[in-house]
C-alpha atoms as a PDB file:
ATOM      1  CA  MET A   1      48.203   7.034-106.626  1.00  0.00           C
ATOM      2  CA  GLU A   2      45.142   8.277-108.454  1.00  0.00           C
ATOM      3  CA  PRO A   3      41.860   6.723-107.235  1.00  0.00           C
ATOM      4  CA  ALA A   4      40.912   5.642-110.768  1.00  0.00           C
ATOM      5  CA  ALA A   5      44.236   3.848-111.247  1.00  0.00           C
ATOM      6  CA  LEU A   6      43.823   2.101-107.890  1.00  0.00           C
ATOM      7  CA  ASN A   7      40.283   1.045-108.803  1.00  0.00           C
ATOM      8  CA  ASP A   8      41.562  -0.385-112.099  1.00  0.00           C
ATOM      9  CA  LEU A   9      44.346  -2.305-110.337  1.00  0.00           C
ATOM     10  CA  LEU A  10      41.919  -3.634-107.769  1.00  0.00           C
ATOM     11  CA  ALA A  11      39.416  -4.670-110.445  1.00  0.00           C
ATOM     12  CA  ALA A  12      42.113  -6.454-112.444  1.00  0.00           C
ATOM     13  CA  ASN A  13      43.146  -8.453-109.370  1.00  0.00           C
ATOM     14  CA  LEU A  14      39.650  -9.137-108.012  1.00  0.00           C
ATOM     15  CA  PRO A  15      39.251 -12.673-109.458  1.00  0.00           C
ATOM     16  CA  ALA A  16      42.601 -13.703-107.972  1.00  0.00           C
ATOM     17  CA  VAL A  17      41.683 -12.173-104.594  1.00  0.00           C
ATOM     18  CA  ARG A  18      38.395 -14.082-104.610  1.00  0.00           C
ATOM     19  CA  ALA A  19      40.179 -17.360-105.422  1.00  0.00           C
ATOM     20  CA  PHE A  20      42.893 -16.642-102.843  1.00  0.00           C
ATOM     21  CA  ILE A  21      40.321 -16.044-100.115  1.00  0.00           C
ATOM     22  CA  ARG A  22      38.266 -19.112-101.053  1.00  0.00           C
ATOM     23  CA  LEU A  23      41.324 -21.332-100.885  1.00  0.00           C
ATOM     24  CA  ARG A  24      42.989 -19.819 -97.825  1.00  0.00           C
ATOM     25  CA  THR A  25      39.902 -19.744 -95.583  1.00  0.00           C
ATOM     26  CA  ASN A  26      39.103 -22.833 -93.592  1.00  0.00           C
ATOM     27  CA  GLN A  27      35.821 -24.691 -93.670  1.00  0.00           C
ATOM     28  CA  ALA A  28      34.583 -23.020 -90.478  1.00  0.00           C
ATOM     29  CA  ILE A  29      35.017 -19.535 -91.924  1.00  0.00           C
ATOM     30  CA  ARG A  30      33.461 -20.521 -95.262  1.00  0.00           C
ATOM     31  CA  ALA A  31      30.446 -21.930 -93.410  1.00  0.00           C
ATOM     32  CA  ARG A  32      29.888 -18.727 -91.447  1.00  0.00           C
ATOM     33  CA  GLU A  33      30.907 -15.939 -93.779  1.00  0.00           C
ATOM     34  CA  SER A  34      30.557 -15.374 -97.470  1.00  0.00           C
ATOM     35  CA  VAL A  35      33.688 -15.045 -99.538  1.00  0.00           C
ATOM     36  CA  SER A  36      32.121 -11.979-101.150  1.00  0.00           C
ATOM     37  CA  ASP A  37      31.930 -10.268 -97.752  1.00  0.00           C
ATOM     38  CA  LEU A  38      35.593 -11.011 -97.102  1.00  0.00           C
ATOM     39  CA  VAL A  39      36.600  -9.769-100.557  1.00  0.00           C
ATOM     40  CA  GLN A  40      34.572  -6.603-100.039  1.00  0.00           C
ATOM     41  CA  SER A  41      36.207  -6.063 -96.641  1.00  0.00           C
ATOM     42  CA  VAL A  42      39.681  -6.468 -98.163  1.00  0.00           C
ATOM     43  CA  CYS A  43      38.844  -4.014-100.964  1.00  0.00           C
ATOM     44  CA  ARG A  44      37.514  -1.487 -98.470  1.00  0.00           C
ATOM     45  CA  GLU A  45      40.706  -1.780 -96.411  1.00  0.00           C
ATOM     46  CA  VAL A  46      42.878  -1.363 -99.518  1.00  0.00           C
ATOM     47  CA  LEU A  47      40.920   1.707-100.617  1.00  0.00           C
ATOM     48  CA  GLU A  48      41.162   3.198 -97.118  1.00  0.00           C
ATOM     49  CA  GLY A  49      44.930   2.625 -97.225  1.00  0.00           C
ATOM     50  CA  ALA A  50      45.277   4.301-100.618  1.00  0.00           C
ATOM     51  CA  PRO A  51      46.747   7.538 -99.244  1.00  0.00           C
ATOM     52  CA  ARG A  52      49.652   5.535 -97.783  1.00  0.00           C
ATOM     53  CA  LEU A  53      50.184   3.488-100.956  1.00  0.00           C
ATOM     54  CA  GLU A  54      53.346   4.139-102.884  1.00  0.00           C
ATOM     55  CA  TYR A  55      52.982   2.254-106.152  1.00  0.00           C
ATOM     56  CA  ARG A  56      56.127   0.228-106.882  1.00  0.00           C
ATOM     57  CA  GLY A  57      54.846  -1.990-109.663  1.00  0.00           C
ATOM     58  CA  ASP A  58      52.202  -4.649-110.124  1.00  0.00           C
ATOM     59  CA  ALA A  59      54.096  -7.343-108.193  1.00  0.00           C
ATOM     60  CA  ALA A  60      54.501  -5.130-105.123  1.00  0.00           C
ATOM     61  CA  PHE A  61      50.836  -4.122-105.321  1.00  0.00           C
ATOM     62  CA  ARG A  62      49.724  -7.773-105.556  1.00  0.00           C
ATOM     63  CA  SER A  63      51.930  -8.637-102.596  1.00  0.00           C
ATOM     64  CA  TRP A  64      50.343  -5.860-100.533  1.00  0.00           C
ATOM     65  CA  LEU A  65      46.849  -6.880-101.683  1.00  0.00           C
ATOM     66  CA  PHE A  66      47.259 -10.561-100.844  1.00  0.00           C
ATOM     67  CA  THR A  67      48.954  -9.766 -97.530  1.00  0.00           C
ATOM     68  CA  THR A  68      45.922  -7.632 -96.693  1.00  0.00           C
ATOM     69  CA  ALA A  69      43.626 -10.522 -97.667  1.00  0.00           C
ATOM     70  CA  LEU A  70      45.564 -13.016 -95.564  1.00  0.00           C
ATOM     71  CA  ARG A  71      45.537 -10.661 -92.589  1.00  0.00           C
ATOM     72  CA  LYS A  72      41.755 -10.313 -92.971  1.00  0.00           C
ATOM     73  CA  ILE A  73      41.343 -14.116 -92.990  1.00  0.00           C
ATOM     74  CA  VAL A  74      43.458 -14.453 -89.839  1.00  0.00           C
ATOM     75  CA  GLU A  75      41.434 -11.694 -88.134  1.00  0.00           C
ATOM     76  CA  ARG A  76      38.145 -13.425 -88.958  1.00  0.00           C
ATOM     77  CA  ASP A  77      39.467 -16.770 -87.778  1.00  0.00           C
ATOM     78  CA  ARG A  78      40.573 -15.249 -84.461  1.00  0.00           C
ATOM     79  CA  ALA A  79      37.243 -13.487 -84.037  1.00  0.00           C
ATOM     80  CA  MET A  80      35.355 -16.729 -84.587  1.00  0.00           C
ATOM     81  CA  ARG A  81      37.507 -18.532 -82.050  1.00  0.00           C
ATOM     82  CA  ALA A  82      37.223 -15.814 -79.421  1.00  0.00           C
ATOM     83  CA  ASP A  83      35.335 -16.743 -76.264  1.00  0.00           C
ATOM     84  CA  LYS A  84      32.982 -13.805 -76.635  1.00  0.00           C
ATOM     85  CA  ARG A  85      31.634 -15.212 -79.887  1.00  0.00           C
ATOM     86  CA  ASP A  86      28.748 -17.640 -79.380  1.00  0.00           C
ATOM     87  CA  ILE A  87      28.936 -19.879 -82.433  1.00  0.00           C
ATOM     88  CA  GLY A  88      25.740 -21.646 -81.349  1.00  0.00           C
ATOM     89  CA  ARG A  89      23.749 -18.479 -82.094  1.00  0.00           C
ATOM     90  CA  GLU A  90      25.092 -18.112 -85.605  1.00  0.00           C
ATOM     91  CA  VAL A  91      23.126 -18.996 -88.695  1.00  0.00           C
ATOM     92  CA  ALA A  92      25.041 -20.283 -91.720  1.00  0.00           C
ATOM     93  CA  ALA A  93      24.785 -18.126 -94.803  1.00  0.00           C
ATOM     94  CA  ALA A  94      21.994 -19.434 -96.988  1.00  0.00           C
ATOM     95  CA  GLY A  95      23.379 -20.927-100.154  1.00  0.00           C
ATOM     96  CA  GLY A  96      26.988 -20.172 -99.248  1.00  0.00           C
ATOM     97  CA  ASP A  97      28.766 -17.479-101.215  1.00  0.00           C
ATOM     98  CA  SER A  98      26.394 -15.108-103.006  1.00  0.00           C
ATOM     99  CA  GLY A  99      29.177 -14.024-105.373  1.00  0.00           C
ATOM    100  CA  ALA A 100      29.594 -17.602-106.577  1.00  0.00           C
ATOM    101  CA  ALA A 101      25.813 -17.885-106.982  1.00  0.00           C
ATOM    102  CA  ASP A 102      25.816 -14.766-109.150  1.00  0.00           C
ATOM    103  CA  LEU A 103      28.610 -16.196-111.286  1.00  0.00           C
ATOM    104  CA  PHE A 104      26.782 -19.475-111.752  1.00  0.00           C
ATOM    105  CA  ALA A 105      23.578 -17.653-112.665  1.00  0.00           C
ATOM    106  CA  ALA A 106      25.443 -15.651-115.302  1.00  0.00           C
ATOM    107  CA  TYR A 107      27.152 -18.764-116.624  1.00  0.00           C
ATOM    108  CA  ALA A 108      23.790 -20.524-116.905  1.00  0.00           C
ATOM    109  CA  THR A 109      23.056 -18.486-120.002  1.00  0.00           C
ATOM    110  CA  VAL A 110      25.906 -20.179-121.878  1.00  0.00           C
ATOM    111  CA  THR A 111      26.115 -23.610-120.300  1.00  0.00           C
ATOM    112  CA  THR A 112      23.989 -26.515-119.168  1.00  0.00           C
ATOM    113  CA  PRO A 113      22.744 -27.142-115.616  1.00  0.00           C
ATOM    114  CA  SER A 114      24.849 -30.304-115.391  1.00  0.00           C
ATOM    115  CA  LYS A 115      28.003 -28.311-116.154  1.00  0.00           C
ATOM    116  CA  ILE A 116      27.087 -25.814-113.440  1.00  0.00           C
ATOM    117  CA  VAL A 117      26.617 -28.632-110.935  1.00  0.00           C
ATOM    118  CA  ALA A 118      29.943 -30.155-111.989  1.00  0.00           C
ATOM    119  CA  ALA A 119      31.701 -26.802-111.545  1.00  0.00           C
ATOM    120  CA  LYS A 120      30.225 -26.387-108.052  1.00  0.00           C
ATOM    121  CA  GLU A 121      31.369 -29.907-107.172  1.00  0.00           C
ATOM    122  CA  GLN A 122      34.881 -29.163-108.444  1.00  0.00           C
ATOM    123  CA  MET A 123      35.044 -25.988-106.353  1.00  0.00           C
ATOM    124  CA  ALA A 124      33.911 -27.907-103.270  1.00  0.00           C
ATOM    125  CA  GLN A 125      36.464 -30.670-103.944  1.00  0.00           C
ATOM    126  CA  MET A 126      39.280 -28.149-104.366  1.00  0.00           C
ATOM    127  CA  GLU A 127      38.363 -26.345-101.151  1.00  0.00           C
ATOM    128  CA  ALA A 128      38.098 -29.634 -99.248  1.00  0.00           C
ATOM    129  CA  ALA A 129      41.492 -30.700-100.623  1.00  0.00           C
ATOM    130  CA  PHE A 130      43.044 -27.374 -99.577  1.00  0.00           C
ATOM    131  CA  ASP A 131      41.649 -27.902 -96.076  1.00  0.00           C
ATOM    132  CA  GLN A 132      43.741 -31.095 -95.884  1.00  0.00           C
ATOM    133  CA  LEU A 133      47.020 -29.425 -96.905  1.00  0.00           C
ATOM    134  CA  SER A 134      49.512 -28.048 -94.428  1.00  0.00           C
ATOM    135  CA  GLU A 135      49.611 -24.270 -94.017  1.00  0.00           C
ATOM    136  CA  GLU A 136      53.001 -24.252 -95.755  1.00  0.00           C
ATOM    137  CA  HIS A 137      51.587 -26.074 -98.798  1.00  0.00           C
ATOM    138  CA  ARG A 138      48.493 -23.861 -98.927  1.00  0.00           C
ATOM    139  CA  GLU A 139      50.682 -20.770 -98.825  1.00  0.00           C
ATOM    140  CA  ILE A 140      53.096 -21.820-101.578  1.00  0.00           C
ATOM    141  CA  ILE A 141      50.299 -22.906-103.939  1.00  0.00           C
ATOM    142  CA  THR A 142      48.264 -19.736-103.468  1.00  0.00           C
ATOM    143  CA  LEU A 143      51.297 -17.466-103.754  1.00  0.00           C
ATOM    144  CA  SER A 144      52.404 -19.164-106.966  1.00  0.00           C
ATOM    145  CA  LYS A 145      49.210 -20.216-108.709  1.00  0.00           C
ATOM    146  CA  ILE A 146      46.653 -17.696-107.443  1.00  0.00           C
ATOM    147  CA  CYS A 147      48.759 -14.598-106.718  1.00  0.00           C
ATOM    148  CA  GLY A 148      51.023 -15.269-109.691  1.00  0.00           C
ATOM    149  CA  LEU A 149      54.256 -14.569-107.823  1.00  0.00           C
ATOM    150  CA  SER A 150      57.525 -15.862-109.261  1.00  0.00           C
ATOM    151  CA  HIS A 151      59.783 -18.231-107.301  1.00  0.00           C
ATOM    152  CA  LYS A 152      62.062 -15.268-106.663  1.00  0.00           C
ATOM    153  CA  GLU A 153      59.222 -13.126-105.284  1.00  0.00           C
ATOM    154  CA  ILE A 154      57.988 -15.982-103.098  1.00  0.00           C
ATOM    155  CA  ALA A 155      61.515 -16.571-101.806  1.00  0.00           C
ATOM    156  CA  GLU A 156      61.857 -12.889-100.890  1.00  0.00           C
ATOM    157  CA  GLN A 157      58.485 -12.871 -99.164  1.00  0.00           C
ATOM    158  CA  THR A 158      59.055 -16.085 -97.208  1.00  0.00           C
ATOM    159  CA  GLY A 159      62.760 -15.664 -96.468  1.00  0.00           C
ATOM    160  CA  SER A 160      63.652 -18.809 -98.393  1.00  0.00           C
ATOM    161  CA  THR A 161      65.634 -19.593-101.518  1.00  0.00           C
ATOM    162  CA  GLU A 162      64.229 -19.867-105.020  1.00  0.00           C
ATOM    163  CA  GLU A 163      65.205 -23.530-105.200  1.00  0.00           C
ATOM    164  CA  ALA A 164      63.550 -24.278-101.873  1.00  0.00           C
ATOM    165  CA  CYS A 165      60.378 -22.596-103.170  1.00  0.00           C
ATOM    166  CA  ARG A 166      60.469 -24.660-106.372  1.00  0.00           C
ATOM    167  CA  GLN A 167      60.842 -27.888-104.391  1.00  0.00           C
ATOM    168  CA  LEU A 168      58.140 -26.955-101.899  1.00  0.00           C
ATOM    169  CA  LEU A 169      55.745 -26.025-104.699  1.00  0.00           C
ATOM    170  CA  ARG A 170      56.449 -29.313-106.473  1.00  0.00           C
ATOM    171  CA  ARG A 171      55.769 -31.291-103.264  1.00  0.00           C
ATOM    172  CA  ALA A 172      52.644 -29.254-102.513  1.00  0.00           C
ATOM    173  CA  MET A 173      51.234 -29.820-106.001  1.00  0.00           C
ATOM    174  CA  VAL A 174      51.937 -33.554-105.760  1.00  0.00           C
ATOM    175  CA  LYS A 175      50.154 -33.679-102.391  1.00  0.00           C
ATOM    176  CA  LEU A 176      47.195 -31.683-103.737  1.00  0.00           C
ATOM    177  CA  THR A 177      46.951 -33.983-106.756  1.00  0.00           C
ATOM    178  CA  MET A 178      47.033 -37.069-104.535  1.00  0.00           C
ATOM    179  CA  ILE A 179      44.244 -35.684-102.341  1.00  0.00           C
ATOM    180  CA  LEU A 180      42.101 -34.761-105.344  1.00  0.00           C
ATOM    181  CA  GLU A 181      42.561 -38.215-106.910  1.00  0.00           C
ATOM    182  CA  ARG A 182      41.226 -40.018-103.815  1.00  0.00           C
END
């Protein structure tokens, strides 16, 4: 695949990767590492793997991209839990995710400060709600709503049936709604 075409594909999927990482990371990871750093690490890994990439369509590319992102999240989680890592010496990132701060600064030119605060609160509520979901529910919601995979694609990826995926997604969305309404 041509580097320019890969860059375009990556750029087109960047907002979804950012959302995927924000929602799939746990609170401990979000407190210690910026989402922008994780996104950058995923992009670097994808670009390094470009010579091995055989493009088989957008859906296959997205699947590979989000699998890479999930693997990166799991790696970071394991690293943080490793005995050799002294969490007591760590300093939380100031202001959280710098990428989100940049977005809010850009949005400030077209919106009011109260709307920016409300958007930050909504993001925090969504992330806190995701932290309360089971791994199975987090996975089905992100695969469907963030990655944009069809029920068929999710079924193939998870080894389930389309109907089972539909039902699981329905239950997961109900649970997420209930948590957010509390």
